[in-house]
Amino acid sequence: MRENVKILVVCLDPGLRDIIIDVLEFSVNRKVMSAADDRQALDHLDMQGPADIILCDPVLPRMSGRDLIAAAKAKAPRCIGVLMAPPPANPGTPQDQIVNAYLERPADPQALFDIVQRFVVDG
């Protein structure tokens, strides 16, 4: 089990972002941070240090969610990247390999919990 896990949620929809944060904080009892967009997420990572898990939208104002995950992994290779989108039909490109898991929207609370369980508790 990873200790002191930091989770960063990057979601353009403030209502959905708040729901995801509430579910994660309640179900896994972890500190969950949020960012409204890619710029805020990158600033957060620069100022607060790396996140262990990043859940992010696939499309952000200045970059894709995959690009944000890649930037986070460049600084912290053990970072887990979760894209809030359906998985690709043919996951074979290097861009697809940067993402560790996919979470379809709307985010099901059990699916959120399962992802954190898989990467935090089960290792």
C-alpha atoms as a PDB file:
ATOM      1  CA  MET A   1       0.000   0.000   0.000  1.00  0.00           C
ATOM      2  CA  ARG A   2       1.251   3.467  -0.857  1.00  0.00           C
ATOM      3  CA  GLU A   3       1.290   5.833   2.095  1.00  0.00           C
ATOM      4  CA  ASN A   4       0.388   9.552   2.066  1.00  0.00           C
ATOM      5  CA  VAL A   5      -1.082   9.351  -1.418  1.00  0.00           C
ATOM      6  CA  LYS A   6      -1.818  12.663  -3.125  1.00  0.00           C
ATOM      7  CA  ILE A   7      -4.638  12.638  -5.655  1.00  0.00           C
ATOM      8  CA  LEU A   8      -5.144  15.513  -8.096  1.00  0.00           C
ATOM      9  CA  VAL A   9      -8.463  15.873  -9.940  1.00  0.00           C
ATOM     10  CA  VAL A  10      -8.359  18.033 -13.079  1.00  0.00           C
ATOM     11  CA  CYS A  11     -11.874  18.577 -14.359  1.00  0.00           C
ATOM     12  CA  LEU A  12     -13.356  21.513 -16.254  1.00  0.00           C
ATOM     13  CA  ASP A  13     -16.859  20.940 -14.843  1.00  0.00           C
ATOM     14  CA  PRO A  14     -16.849  22.354 -11.281  1.00  0.00           C
ATOM     15  CA  GLY A  15     -19.909  20.350 -10.209  1.00  0.00           C
ATOM     16  CA  LEU A  16     -18.489  17.052 -11.404  1.00  0.00           C
ATOM     17  CA  ARG A  17     -15.079  17.939  -9.951  1.00  0.00           C
ATOM     18  CA  ASP A  18     -16.650  18.534  -6.518  1.00  0.00           C
ATOM     19  CA  ILE A  19     -18.558  15.232  -6.680  1.00  0.00           C
ATOM     20  CA  ILE A  20     -15.407  13.294  -7.608  1.00  0.00           C
ATOM     21  CA  ILE A  21     -13.458  14.929  -4.792  1.00  0.00           C
ATOM     22  CA  ASP A  22     -16.220  14.236  -2.249  1.00  0.00           C
ATOM     23  CA  VAL A  23     -16.464  10.583  -3.313  1.00  0.00           C
ATOM     24  CA  LEU A  24     -12.706  10.088  -3.154  1.00  0.00           C
ATOM     25  CA  GLU A  25     -12.282  11.813   0.188  1.00  0.00           C
ATOM     26  CA  PHE A  26     -15.137   9.808   1.689  1.00  0.00           C
ATOM     27  CA  SER A  27     -14.311   6.413   0.196  1.00  0.00           C
ATOM     28  CA  VAL A  28     -10.545   6.335   0.480  1.00  0.00           C
ATOM     29  CA  ASN A  29      -9.938   8.878   3.240  1.00  0.00           C
ATOM     30  CA  ARG A  30      -7.152  10.577   1.271  1.00  0.00           C
ATOM     31  CA  LYS A  31      -6.289  14.185   0.645  1.00  0.00           C
ATOM     32  CA  VAL A  32      -7.667  15.098  -2.743  1.00  0.00           C
ATOM     33  CA  MET A  33      -6.608  18.284  -4.499  1.00  0.00           C
ATOM     34  CA  SER A  34      -8.285  19.896  -7.455  1.00  0.00           C
ATOM     35  CA  ALA A  35      -7.499  21.979 -10.488  1.00  0.00           C
ATOM     36  CA  ALA A  36      -9.969  23.688 -12.794  1.00  0.00           C
ATOM     37  CA  ASP A  37      -7.747  23.323 -15.874  1.00  0.00           C
ATOM     38  CA  ASP A  38      -4.341  22.268 -17.171  1.00  0.00           C
ATOM     39  CA  ARG A  39      -2.557  25.496 -16.249  1.00  0.00           C
ATOM     40  CA  GLN A  40      -3.784  25.294 -12.665  1.00  0.00           C
ATOM     41  CA  ALA A  41      -2.780  21.606 -12.542  1.00  0.00           C
ATOM     42  CA  LEU A  42       0.754  22.312 -13.769  1.00  0.00           C
ATOM     43  CA  ASP A  43       1.108  25.198 -11.307  1.00  0.00           C
ATOM     44  CA  HIS A  44      -0.081  22.921  -8.527  1.00  0.00           C
ATOM     45  CA  LEU A  45       2.416  20.210  -9.470  1.00  0.00           C
ATOM     46  CA  ASP A  46       5.247  22.767  -9.607  1.00  0.00           C
ATOM     47  CA  MET A  47       4.391  24.339  -6.246  1.00  0.00           C
ATOM     48  CA  GLN A  48       3.087  21.358  -4.257  1.00  0.00           C
ATOM     49  CA  GLY A  49       5.200  18.589  -5.755  1.00  0.00           C
ATOM     50  CA  PRO A  50       4.125  15.515  -7.690  1.00  0.00           C
ATOM     51  CA  ALA A  51       0.793  13.794  -7.337  1.00  0.00           C
ATOM     52  CA  ASP A  52       0.590  10.033  -6.954  1.00  0.00           C
ATOM     53  CA  ILE A  53      -2.621   9.840  -8.980  1.00  0.00           C
ATOM     54  CA  ILE A  54      -4.003  12.316 -11.512  1.00  0.00           C
ATOM     55  CA  LEU A  55      -7.579  12.004 -12.745  1.00  0.00           C
ATOM     56  CA  CYS A  56      -8.164  14.355 -15.634  1.00  0.00           C
ATOM     57  CA  ASP A  57     -10.454  15.293 -18.456  1.00  0.00           C
ATOM     58  CA  PRO A  58      -9.316  14.170 -21.910  1.00  0.00           C
ATOM     59  CA  VAL A  59      -9.608  17.673 -23.371  1.00  0.00           C
ATOM     60  CA  LEU A  60      -8.237  20.689 -21.519  1.00  0.00           C
ATOM     61  CA  PRO A  61      -7.872  24.314 -22.679  1.00  0.00           C
ATOM     62  CA  ARG A  62      -4.183  24.238 -23.625  1.00  0.00           C
ATOM     63  CA  MET A  63      -3.318  20.533 -23.888  1.00  0.00           C
ATOM     64  CA  SER A  64      -4.839  17.095 -23.889  1.00  0.00           C
ATOM     65  CA  GLY A  65      -5.310  15.062 -20.735  1.00  0.00           C
ATOM     66  CA  ARG A  66      -2.719  12.608 -22.073  1.00  0.00           C
ATOM     67  CA  ASP A  67      -0.226  15.467 -22.437  1.00  0.00           C
ATOM     68  CA  LEU A  68      -0.899  16.572 -18.856  1.00  0.00           C
ATOM     69  CA  ILE A  69      -0.375  13.016 -17.603  1.00  0.00           C
ATOM     70  CA  ALA A  70       2.858  12.800 -19.631  1.00  0.00           C
ATOM     71  CA  ALA A  71       4.088  16.076 -18.112  1.00  0.00           C
ATOM     72  CA  ALA A  72       3.306  14.816 -14.610  1.00  0.00           C
ATOM     73  CA  LYS A  73       5.066  11.505 -15.291  1.00  0.00           C
ATOM     74  CA  ALA A  74       8.127  13.319 -16.650  1.00  0.00           C
ATOM     75  CA  LYS A  75       8.578  14.774 -13.155  1.00  0.00           C
ATOM     76  CA  ALA A  76       7.352  11.727 -11.225  1.00  0.00           C
ATOM     77  CA  PRO A  77       7.491   8.480 -13.255  1.00  0.00           C
ATOM     78  CA  ARG A  78       5.475   6.515 -10.661  1.00  0.00           C
ATOM     79  CA  CYS A  79       2.497   8.868 -11.054  1.00  0.00           C
ATOM     80  CA  ILE A  80      -0.681   7.046 -12.042  1.00  0.00           C
ATOM     81  CA  GLY A  81      -2.606   8.739 -14.842  1.00  0.00           C
ATOM     82  CA  VAL A  82      -6.357   8.198 -15.098  1.00  0.00           C
ATOM     83  CA  LEU A  83      -8.155   9.699 -18.069  1.00  0.00           C
ATOM     84  CA  MET A  84     -11.854  10.386 -17.558  1.00  0.00           C
ATOM     85  CA  ALA A  85     -12.879   8.968 -20.922  1.00  0.00           C
ATOM     86  CA  PRO A  86     -13.739   5.607 -22.474  1.00  0.00           C
ATOM     87  CA  PRO A  87     -10.694   3.460 -23.222  1.00  0.00           C
ATOM     88  CA  PRO A  88      -9.420   3.530 -26.806  1.00  0.00           C
ATOM     89  CA  ALA A  89     -10.661   0.814 -29.134  1.00  0.00           C
ATOM     90  CA  ASN A  90      -7.110  -0.169 -30.135  1.00  0.00           C
ATOM     91  CA  PRO A  91      -4.755   0.845 -27.313  1.00  0.00           C
ATOM     92  CA  GLY A  92      -1.441   0.462 -29.051  1.00  0.00           C
ATOM     93  CA  THR A  93      -0.006   3.910 -29.604  1.00  0.00           C
ATOM     94  CA  PRO A  94       2.634   5.403 -27.296  1.00  0.00           C
ATOM     95  CA  GLN A  95       0.093   8.083 -26.314  1.00  0.00           C
ATOM     96  CA  ASP A  96      -2.250   5.363 -25.056  1.00  0.00           C
ATOM     97  CA  GLN A  97       0.537   3.772 -23.016  1.00  0.00           C
ATOM     98  CA  ILE A  98       0.974   6.913 -20.883  1.00  0.00           C
ATOM     99  CA  VAL A  99      -2.498   6.396 -19.362  1.00  0.00           C
ATOM    100  CA  ASN A 100      -2.769   3.774 -16.611  1.00  0.00           C
ATOM    101  CA  ALA A 101      -6.568   3.586 -16.447  1.00  0.00           C
ATOM    102  CA  TYR A 102      -9.720   5.030 -17.947  1.00  0.00           C
ATOM    103  CA  LEU A 103     -12.820   6.179 -16.108  1.00  0.00           C
ATOM    104  CA  GLU A 104     -15.952   6.719 -18.153  1.00  0.00           C
ATOM    105  CA  ARG A 105     -18.108   9.733 -17.414  1.00  0.00           C
ATOM    106  CA  PRO A 106     -20.289  10.239 -15.555  1.00  0.00           C
ATOM    107  CA  ALA A 107     -17.970   8.886 -12.895  1.00  0.00           C
ATOM    108  CA  ASP A 108     -19.472   5.984 -11.024  1.00  0.00           C
ATOM    109  CA  PRO A 109     -18.484   6.186  -7.312  1.00  0.00           C
ATOM    110  CA  GLN A 110     -17.673   2.459  -7.221  1.00  0.00           C
ATOM    111  CA  ALA A 111     -15.449   2.776 -10.295  1.00  0.00           C
ATOM    112  CA  LEU A 112     -13.575   5.674  -8.648  1.00  0.00           C
ATOM    113  CA  PHE A 113     -13.074   3.630  -5.512  1.00  0.00           C
ATOM    114  CA  ASP A 114     -11.953   0.585  -7.532  1.00  0.00           C
ATOM    115  CA  ILE A 115      -9.289   2.590  -9.370  1.00  0.00           C
ATOM    116  CA  VAL A 116      -7.841   4.024  -6.173  1.00  0.00           C
ATOM    117  CA  GLN A 117      -8.019   0.594  -4.533  1.00  0.00           C
ATOM    118  CA  ARG A 118      -6.164  -0.945  -7.469  1.00  0.00           C
ATOM    119  CA  PHE A 119      -3.326   1.565  -7.513  1.00  0.00           C
ATOM    120  CA  VAL A 120      -3.080   2.621  -3.867  1.00  0.00           C
ATOM    121  CA  VAL A 121      -4.042  -0.350  -1.734  1.00  0.00           C
ATOM    122  CA  ASP A 122      -3.207  -3.261  -4.025  1.00  0.00           C
ATOM    123  CA  GLY A 123      -0.130  -1.523  -5.414  1.00  0.00           C
END
